PDB file of N, CA and C in Angstrom:
ATOM      1  N   MET A   1      17.014  81.808-135.116  1.00  0.00           N
ATOM      2  CA  MET A   1      17.644  80.984-136.131  1.00  0.00           C
ATOM      3  C   MET A   1      18.183  79.727-135.450  1.00  0.00           C
ATOM      4  N   ASN A   2      18.199  78.650-136.207  1.00  0.00           N
ATOM      5  CA  ASN A   2      18.709  77.386-135.690  1.00  0.00           C
ATOM      6  C   ASN A   2      19.720  76.810-136.678  1.00  0.00           C
ATOM      7  N   GLN A   3      20.217  75.611-136.376  1.00  0.00           N
ATOM      8  CA  GLN A   3      21.233  74.997-137.229  1.00  0.00           C
ATOM      9  C   GLN A   3      20.743  74.833-138.657  1.00  0.00           C
ATOM     10  N   SER A   4      19.500  74.429-138.823  1.00  0.00           N
ATOM     11  CA  SER A   4      18.953  74.222-140.161  1.00  0.00           C
ATOM     12  C   SER A   4      18.941  75.525-140.958  1.00  0.00           C
ATOM     13  N   ASN A   5      18.530  76.615-140.320  1.00  0.00           N
ATOM     14  CA  ASN A   5      18.529  77.915-140.991  1.00  0.00           C
ATOM     15  C   ASN A   5      19.952  78.359-141.319  1.00  0.00           C
ATOM     16  N   PHE A   6      20.871  78.086-140.403  1.00  0.00           N
ATOM     17  CA  PHE A   6      22.269  78.455-140.636  1.00  0.00           C
ATOM     18  C   PHE A   6      22.836  77.648-141.796  1.00  0.00           C
ATOM     19  N   ASP A   7      22.481  76.373-141.869  1.00  0.00           N
ATOM     20  CA  ASP A   7      22.918  75.541-142.991  1.00  0.00           C
ATOM     21  C   ASP A   7      22.401  76.109-144.310  1.00  0.00           C
ATOM     22  N   GLN A   8      21.187  76.619-144.303  1.00  0.00           N
ATOM     23  CA  GLN A   8      20.629  77.229-145.512  1.00  0.00           C
ATOM     24  C   GLN A   8      21.438  78.449-145.926  1.00  0.00           C
ATOM     25  N   LEU A   9      21.891  79.238-144.949  1.00  0.00           N
ATOM     26  CA  LEU A   9      22.745  80.389-145.249  1.00  0.00           C
ATOM     27  C   LEU A   9      24.053  79.916-145.874  1.00  0.00           C
ATOM     28  N   VAL A  10      24.650  78.882-145.299  1.00  0.00           N
ATOM     29  CA  VAL A  10      25.892  78.319-145.846  1.00  0.00           C
ATOM     30  C   VAL A  10      25.650  77.860-147.283  1.00  0.00           C
ATOM     31  N   GLU A  11      24.555  77.169-147.504  1.00  0.00           N
ATOM     32  CA  GLU A  11      24.243  76.674-148.847  1.00  0.00           C
ATOM     33  C   GLU A  11      24.052  77.821-149.837  1.00  0.00           C
ATOM     34  N   GLN A  12      23.372  78.853-149.401  1.00  0.00           N
ATOM     35  CA  GLN A  12      23.109  80.003-150.263  1.00  0.00           C
ATOM     36  C   GLN A  12      24.397  80.740-150.624  1.00  0.00           C
ATOM     37  N   ILE A  13      25.243  81.008-149.650  1.00  0.00           N
ATOM     38  CA  ILE A  13      26.465  81.775-149.874  1.00  0.00           C
ATOM     39  C   ILE A  13      27.520  80.947-150.607  1.00  0.00           C
ATOM     40  N   CYS A  14      27.633  79.681-150.250  1.00  0.00           N
ATOM     41  CA  CYS A  14      28.725  78.849-150.778  1.00  0.00           C
ATOM     42  C   CYS A  14      28.320  77.945-151.941  1.00  0.00           C
ATOM     43  N   ALA A  15      27.051  77.939-152.297  1.00  0.00           N
ATOM     44  CA  ALA A  15      26.559  77.110-153.400  1.00  0.00           C
ATOM     45  C   ALA A  15      26.917  75.633-153.219  1.00  0.00           C
ATOM     46  N   VAL A  16      26.676  75.135-151.993  1.00  0.00           N
ATOM     47  CA  VAL A  16      26.897  73.727-151.672  1.00  0.00           C
ATOM     48  C   VAL A  16      25.645  73.185-150.988  1.00  0.00           C
ATOM     49  N   THR A  17      25.599  71.885-150.782  1.00  0.00           N
ATOM     50  CA  THR A  17      24.521  71.263-150.026  1.00  0.00           C
ATOM     51  C   THR A  17      25.100  70.714-148.733  1.00  0.00           C
ATOM     52  N   VAL A  18      24.579  71.183-147.621  1.00  0.00           N
ATOM     53  CA  VAL A  18      25.041  70.715-146.316  1.00  0.00           C
ATOM     54  C   VAL A  18      24.221  69.486-145.946  1.00  0.00           C
ATOM     55  N   THR A  19      24.826  68.317-146.106  1.00  0.00           N
ATOM     56  CA  THR A  19      24.149  67.068-145.761  1.00  0.00           C
ATOM     57  C   THR A  19      24.443  66.657-144.319  1.00  0.00           C
ATOM     58  N   ASP A  20      25.601  67.075-143.826  1.00  0.00           N
ATOM     59  CA  ASP A  20      26.010  66.789-142.446  1.00  0.00           C
ATOM     60  C   ASP A  20      26.629  68.065-141.886  1.00  0.00           C
ATOM     61  N   PRO A  21      25.939  68.737-140.959  1.00  0.00           N
ATOM     62  CA  PRO A  21      26.453  69.993-140.412  1.00  0.00           C
ATOM     63  C   PRO A  21      27.829  69.867-139.750  1.00  0.00           C
ATOM     64  N   GLU A  22      28.211  68.652-139.343  1.00  0.00           N
ATOM     65  CA  GLU A  22      29.511  68.446-138.701  1.00  0.00           C
ATOM     66  C   GLU A  22      30.632  68.208-139.716  1.00  0.00           C
ATOM     67  N   ALA A  23      30.290  68.042-140.993  1.00  0.00           N
ATOM     68  CA  ALA A  23      31.305  67.801-142.024  1.00  0.00           C
ATOM     69  C   ALA A  23      32.100  69.077-142.278  1.00  0.00           C
ATOM     70  N   PRO A  24      33.404  68.963-142.408  1.00  0.00           N
ATOM     71  CA  PRO A  24      34.214  70.146-142.722  1.00  0.00           C
ATOM     72  C   PRO A  24      33.723  70.803-144.015  1.00  0.00           C
ATOM     73  N   LEU A  25      33.654  72.123-144.003  1.00  0.00           N
ATOM     74  CA  LEU A  25      33.178  72.852-145.175  1.00  0.00           C
ATOM     75  C   LEU A  25      34.004  72.528-146.410  1.00  0.00           C
ATOM     76  N   VAL A  26      35.300  72.345-146.233  1.00  0.00           N
ATOM     77  CA  VAL A  26      36.157  72.026-147.375  1.00  0.00           C
ATOM     78  C   VAL A  26      35.746  70.704-148.014  1.00  0.00           C
ATOM     79  N   ASP A  27      35.258  69.760-147.213  1.00  0.00           N
ATOM     80  CA  ASP A  27      34.798  68.475-147.745  1.00  0.00           C
ATOM     81  C   ASP A  27      33.518  68.629-148.565  1.00  0.00           C
ATOM     82  N   LEU A  28      32.800  69.735-148.328  1.00  0.00           N
ATOM     83  CA  LEU A  28      31.587  70.014-149.102  1.00  0.00           C
ATOM     84  C   LEU A  28      31.906  70.757-150.393  1.00  0.00           C
ATOM     85  N   GLY A  29      33.188  71.130-150.558  1.00  0.00           N
ATOM     86  CA  GLY A  29      33.598  71.846-151.761  1.00  0.00           C
ATOM     87  C   GLY A  29      33.731  73.338-151.583  1.00  0.00           C
ATOM     88  N   VAL A  30      33.688  73.807-150.334  1.00  0.00           N
ATOM     89  CA  VAL A  30      33.818  75.242-150.066  1.00  0.00           C
ATOM     90  C   VAL A  30      35.280  75.640-150.203  1.00  0.00           C
ATOM     91  N   ASP A  31      35.540  76.645-151.039  1.00  0.00           N
ATOM     92  CA  ASP A  31      36.914  77.110-151.228  1.00  0.00           C
ATOM     93  C   ASP A  31      37.168  78.363-150.387  1.00  0.00           C
ATOM     94  N   SER A  32      38.374  78.902-150.484  1.00  0.00           N
ATOM     95  CA  SER A  32      38.754  80.040-149.639  1.00  0.00           C
ATOM     96  C   SER A  32      37.929  81.288-149.935  1.00  0.00           C
ATOM     97  N   LEU A  33      37.607  81.539-151.187  1.00  0.00           N
ATOM     98  CA  LEU A  33      36.794  82.716-151.523  1.00  0.00           C
ATOM     99  C   LEU A  33      35.379  82.576-150.977  1.00  0.00           C
ATOM    100  N   GLN A  34      34.825  81.388-151.054  1.00  0.00           N
ATOM    101  CA  GLN A  34      33.497  81.157-150.491  1.00  0.00           C
ATOM    102  C   GLN A  34      33.522  81.288-148.975  1.00  0.00           C
ATOM    103  N   THR A  35      34.612  80.871-148.362  1.00  0.00           N
ATOM    104  CA  THR A  35      34.749  80.999-146.912  1.00  0.00           C
ATOM    105  C   THR A  35      34.747  82.463-146.509  1.00  0.00           C
ATOM    106  N   VAL A  36      35.478  83.290-147.253  1.00  0.00           N
ATOM    107  CA  VAL A  36      35.498  84.729-146.973  1.00  0.00           C
ATOM    108  C   VAL A  36      34.095  85.310-147.127  1.00  0.00           C
ATOM    109  N   ALA A  37      33.397  84.939-148.198  1.00  0.00           N
ATOM    110  CA  ALA A  37      32.034  85.434-148.419  1.00  0.00           C
ATOM    111  C   ALA A  37      31.109  84.990-147.288  1.00  0.00           C
ATOM    112  N   LEU A  38      31.267  83.752-146.832  1.00  0.00           N
ATOM    113  CA  LEU A  38      30.441  83.238-145.738  1.00  0.00           C
ATOM    114  C   LEU A  38      30.713  83.999-144.455  1.00  0.00           C
ATOM    115  N   VAL A  39      31.973  84.212-144.138  1.00  0.00           N
ATOM    116  CA  VAL A  39      32.327  84.953-142.921  1.00  0.00           C
ATOM    117  C   VAL A  39      31.739  86.360-142.976  1.00  0.00           C
ATOM    118  N   MET A  40      31.861  87.020-144.111  1.00  0.00           N
ATOM    119  CA  MET A  40      31.310  88.371-144.248  1.00  0.00           C
ATOM    120  C   MET A  40      29.790  88.371-144.070  1.00  0.00           C
ATOM    121  N   ALA A  41      29.121  87.383-144.640  1.00  0.00           N
ATOM    122  CA  ALA A  41      27.660  87.295-144.511  1.00  0.00           C
ATOM    123  C   ALA A  41      27.248  87.033-143.062  1.00  0.00           C
ATOM    124  N   VAL A  42      27.971  86.147-142.400  1.00  0.00           N
ATOM    125  CA  VAL A  42      27.669  85.837-140.999  1.00  0.00           C
ATOM    126  C   VAL A  42      27.908  87.070-140.128  1.00  0.00           C
ATOM    127  N   GLU A  43      29.024  87.752-140.342  1.00  0.00           N
ATOM    128  CA  GLU A  43      29.322  88.952-139.555  1.00  0.00           C
ATOM    129  C   GLU A  43      28.243  90.011-139.752  1.00  0.00           C
ATOM    130  N   GLU A  44      27.822  90.187-140.998  1.00  0.00           N
ATOM    131  CA  GLU A  44      26.806  91.205-141.291  1.00  0.00           C
ATOM    132  C   GLU A  44      25.450  90.817-140.705  1.00  0.00           C
ATOM    133  N   ARG A  45      25.064  89.578-140.883  1.00  0.00           N
ATOM    134  CA  ARG A  45      23.743  89.143-140.425  1.00  0.00           C
ATOM    135  C   ARG A  45      23.630  89.132-138.900  1.00  0.00           C
ATOM    136  N   TYR A  46      24.688  88.710-138.214  1.00  0.00           N
ATOM    137  CA  TYR A  46      24.610  88.540-136.762  1.00  0.00           C
ATOM    138  C   TYR A  46      25.309  89.623-135.958  1.00  0.00           C
ATOM    139  N   GLY A  47      26.045  90.507-136.630  1.00  0.00           N
ATOM    140  CA  GLY A  47      26.732  91.570-135.906  1.00  0.00           C
ATOM    141  C   GLY A  47      27.856  91.072-135.016  1.00  0.00           C
ATOM    142  N   VAL A  48      28.481  89.981-135.423  1.00  0.00           N
ATOM    143  CA  VAL A  48      29.613  89.440-134.675  1.00  0.00           C
ATOM    144  C   VAL A  48      30.857  89.531-135.549  1.00  0.00           C
ATOM    145  N   GLU A  49      31.999  89.468-134.918  1.00  0.00           N
ATOM    146  CA  GLU A  49      33.258  89.480-135.653  1.00  0.00           C
ATOM    147  C   GLU A  49      33.907  88.112-135.531  1.00  0.00           C
ATOM    148  N   ILE A  50      34.312  87.577-136.659  1.00  0.00           N
ATOM    149  CA  ILE A  50      34.985  86.293-136.676  1.00  0.00           C
ATOM    150  C   ILE A  50      36.427  86.530-137.096  1.00  0.00           C
ATOM    151  N   ASP A  51      37.327  86.281-136.196  1.00  0.00           N
ATOM    152  CA  ASP A  51      38.748  86.439-136.471  1.00  0.00           C
ATOM    153  C   ASP A  51      39.169  85.353-137.454  1.00  0.00           C
ATOM    154  N   PRO A  52      39.817  85.726-138.559  1.00  0.00           N
ATOM    155  CA  PRO A  52      40.232  84.712-139.531  1.00  0.00           C
ATOM    156  C   PRO A  52      41.051  83.584-138.918  1.00  0.00           C
ATOM    157  N   GLU A  53      41.815  83.884-137.877  1.00  0.00           N
ATOM    158  CA  GLU A  53      42.603  82.838-137.221  1.00  0.00           C
ATOM    159  C   GLU A  53      41.704  81.788-136.568  1.00  0.00           C
ATOM    160  N   GLU A  54      40.484  82.199-136.169  1.00  0.00           N
ATOM    161  CA  GLU A  54      39.550  81.246-135.568  1.00  0.00           C
ATOM    162  C   GLU A  54      39.194  80.136-136.544  1.00  0.00           C
ATOM    163  N   LEU A  55      39.158  80.467-137.826  1.00  0.00           N
ATOM    164  CA  LEU A  55      38.744  79.494-138.832  1.00  0.00           C
ATOM    165  C   LEU A  55      39.753  78.368-138.998  1.00  0.00           C
ATOM    166  N   ALA A  56      40.943  78.533-138.464  1.00  0.00           N
ATOM    167  CA  ALA A  56      41.941  77.469-138.513  1.00  0.00           C
ATOM    168  C   ALA A  56      41.686  76.419-137.436  1.00  0.00           C
ATOM    169  N   GLU A  57      40.843  76.765-136.453  1.00  0.00           N
ATOM    170  CA  GLU A  57      40.528  75.822-135.382  1.00  0.00           C
ATOM    171  C   GLU A  57      39.634  74.712-135.930  1.00  0.00           C
ATOM    172  N   PRO A  58      39.993  73.465-135.706  1.00  0.00           N
ATOM    173  CA  PRO A  58      39.191  72.351-136.241  1.00  0.00           C
ATOM    174  C   PRO A  58      37.714  72.414-135.856  1.00  0.00           C
ATOM    175  N   ALA A  59      37.412  72.943-134.681  1.00  0.00           N
ATOM    176  CA  ALA A  59      36.026  73.003-134.231  1.00  0.00           C
ATOM    177  C   ALA A  59      35.176  73.949-135.067  1.00  0.00           C
ATOM    178  N   LEU A  60      35.816  74.861-135.808  1.00  0.00           N
ATOM    179  CA  LEU A  60      35.069  75.843-136.593  1.00  0.00           C
ATOM    180  C   LEU A  60      35.084  75.554-138.083  1.00  0.00           C
ATOM    181  N   THR A  61      35.547  74.394-138.476  1.00  0.00           N
ATOM    182  CA  THR A  61      35.663  74.106-139.903  1.00  0.00           C
ATOM    183  C   THR A  61      34.371  73.564-140.506  1.00  0.00           C
ATOM    184  N   SER A  62      33.345  73.381-139.695  1.00  0.00           N
ATOM    185  CA  SER A  62      32.066  72.865-140.184  1.00  0.00           C
ATOM    186  C   SER A  62      30.977  73.913-139.995  1.00  0.00           C
ATOM    187  N   SER A  63      29.855  73.695-140.648  1.00  0.00           N
ATOM    188  CA  SER A  63      28.707  74.578-140.474  1.00  0.00           C
ATOM    189  C   SER A  63      28.265  74.594-139.006  1.00  0.00           C
ATOM    190  N   ALA A  64      28.209  73.413-138.407  1.00  0.00           N
ATOM    191  CA  ALA A  64      27.791  73.312-137.004  1.00  0.00           C
ATOM    192  C   ALA A  64      28.774  74.026-136.080  1.00  0.00           C
ATOM    193  N   GLY A  65      30.056  73.877-136.337  1.00  0.00           N
ATOM    194  CA  GLY A  65      31.060  74.544-135.503  1.00  0.00           C
ATOM    195  C   GLY A  65      30.987  76.048-135.623  1.00  0.00           C
ATOM    196  N   LEU A  66      30.799  76.529-136.837  1.00  0.00           N
ATOM    197  CA  LEU A  66      30.675  77.972-137.048  1.00  0.00           C
ATOM    198  C   LEU A  66      29.410  78.498-136.383  1.00  0.00           C
ATOM    199  N   TRP A  67      28.309  77.765-136.486  1.00  0.00           N
ATOM    200  CA  TRP A  67      27.062  78.165-135.844  1.00  0.00           C
ATOM    201  C   TRP A  67      27.221  78.205-134.323  1.00  0.00           C
ATOM    202  N   ARG A  68      27.911  77.210-133.746  1.00  0.00           N
ATOM    203  CA  ARG A  68      28.140  77.230-132.290  1.00  0.00           C
ATOM    204  C   ARG A  68      28.934  78.467-131.890  1.00  0.00           C
ATOM    205  N   SER A  69      29.927  78.827-132.689  1.00  0.00           N
ATOM    206  CA  SER A  69      30.735  80.010-132.403  1.00  0.00           C
ATOM    207  C   SER A  69      29.883  81.272-132.443  1.00  0.00           C
ATOM    208  N   VAL A  70      29.017  81.363-133.438  1.00  0.00           N
ATOM    209  CA  VAL A  70      28.121  82.523-133.539  1.00  0.00           C
ATOM    210  C   VAL A  70      27.210  82.586-132.319  1.00  0.00           C
ATOM    211  N   GLN A  71      26.646  81.456-131.926  1.00  0.00           N
ATOM    212  CA  GLN A  71      25.777  81.427-130.747  1.00  0.00           C
ATOM    213  C   GLN A  71      26.525  81.880-129.492  1.00  0.00           C
ATOM    214  N   GLU A  72      27.766  81.426-129.340  1.00  0.00           N
ATOM    215  CA  GLU A  72      28.563  81.824-128.181  1.00  0.00           C
ATOM    216  C   GLU A  72      28.812  83.331-128.191  1.00  0.00           C
ATOM    217  N   LYS A  73      29.123  83.874-129.347  1.00  0.00           N
ATOM    218  CA  LYS A  73      29.366  85.305-129.464  1.00  0.00           C
ATOM    219  C   LYS A  73      28.095  86.092-129.146  1.00  0.00           C
ATOM    220  N   LEU A  74      26.965  85.604-129.641  1.00  0.00           N
ATOM    221  CA  LEU A  74      25.699  86.289-129.398  1.00  0.00           C
ATOM    222  C   LEU A  74      25.282  86.222-127.938  1.00  0.00           C
ATOM    223  N   SER A  75      25.676  85.165-127.254  1.00  0.00           N
ATOM    224  CA  SER A  75      25.314  85.031-125.844  1.00  0.00           C
ATOM    225  C   SER A  75      26.229  85.846-124.941  1.00  0.00           C
ATOM    226  N   GLY A  76      27.256  86.449-125.542  1.00  0.00           N
ATOM    227  CA  GLY A  76      28.137  87.307-124.776  1.00  0.00           C
ATOM    228  C   GLY A  76      29.337  86.615-124.185  1.00  0.00           C
ATOM    229  N   SER A  77      29.522  85.334-124.478  1.00  0.00           N
ATOM    230  CA  SER A  77      30.660  84.632-123.912  1.00  0.00           C
ATOM    231  C   SER A  77      31.947  84.935-124.672  1.00  0.00           C
ATOM    232  N   LEU A  78      31.834  85.519-125.866  1.00  0.00           N
ATOM    233  CA  LEU A  78      32.995  85.936-126.637  1.00  0.00           C
ATOM    234  C   LEU A  78      32.741  87.366-127.117  1.00  0.00           C
ATOM    235  N   PRO A  79      33.785  88.151-127.370  1.00  0.00           N
ATOM    236  CA  PRO A  79      33.583  89.529-127.779  1.00  0.00           C
ATOM    237  C   PRO A  79      32.886  89.626-129.135  1.00  0.00           C
ATOM    238  N   THR A  80      32.039  90.662-129.275  1.00  0.00           N
ATOM    239  CA  THR A  80      31.373  90.952-130.537  1.00  0.00           C
ATOM    240  C   THR A  80      31.961  92.237-131.097  1.00  0.00           C
ATOM    241  N   LYS A  81      31.522  92.617-132.277  1.00  0.00           N
ATOM    242  CA  LYS A  81      31.998  93.852-132.889  1.00  0.00           C
ATOM    243  C   LYS A  81      31.692  95.031-131.990  1.00  0.00           C
ATOM    244  N   ALA A  82      32.602  95.976-131.917  1.00  0.00           N
ATOM    245  CA  ALA A  82      32.388  97.180-131.129  1.00  0.00           C
ATOM    246  C   ALA A  82      31.208  97.950-131.712  1.00  0.00           C
ATOM    247  N   GLY A  83      30.368  98.467-130.844  1.00  0.00           N
ATOM    248  CA  GLY A  83      29.250  99.272-131.283  1.00  0.00           C
ATOM    249  C   GLY A  83      27.985  98.481-131.530  1.00  0.00           C
ATOM    250  N   ASN A  84      28.029  97.164-131.373  1.00  0.00           N
ATOM    251  CA  ASN A  84      26.816  96.353-131.594  1.00  0.00           C
ATOM    252  C   ASN A  84      26.262  95.866-130.290  1.00  0.00           C
TER     253      ASN A  84
END
């Protein structure tokens, strides 16, 4: 998967159009419920755990930032869900 595919996931879950992956999700119209749904979908699809506190970090407020975080978790540089 790449950034474009990840943007498609964001668009599908949040019912928005990602025109700039670096744009904050809130600027695209993503609300808190959509954010929760997106986090759950990402965790399920990639087998990673995203701490809700991480989402307060400015670097993770965009599709690109969230995708970078997922990539880091998958590469083993950050902890993943136990048992995966």
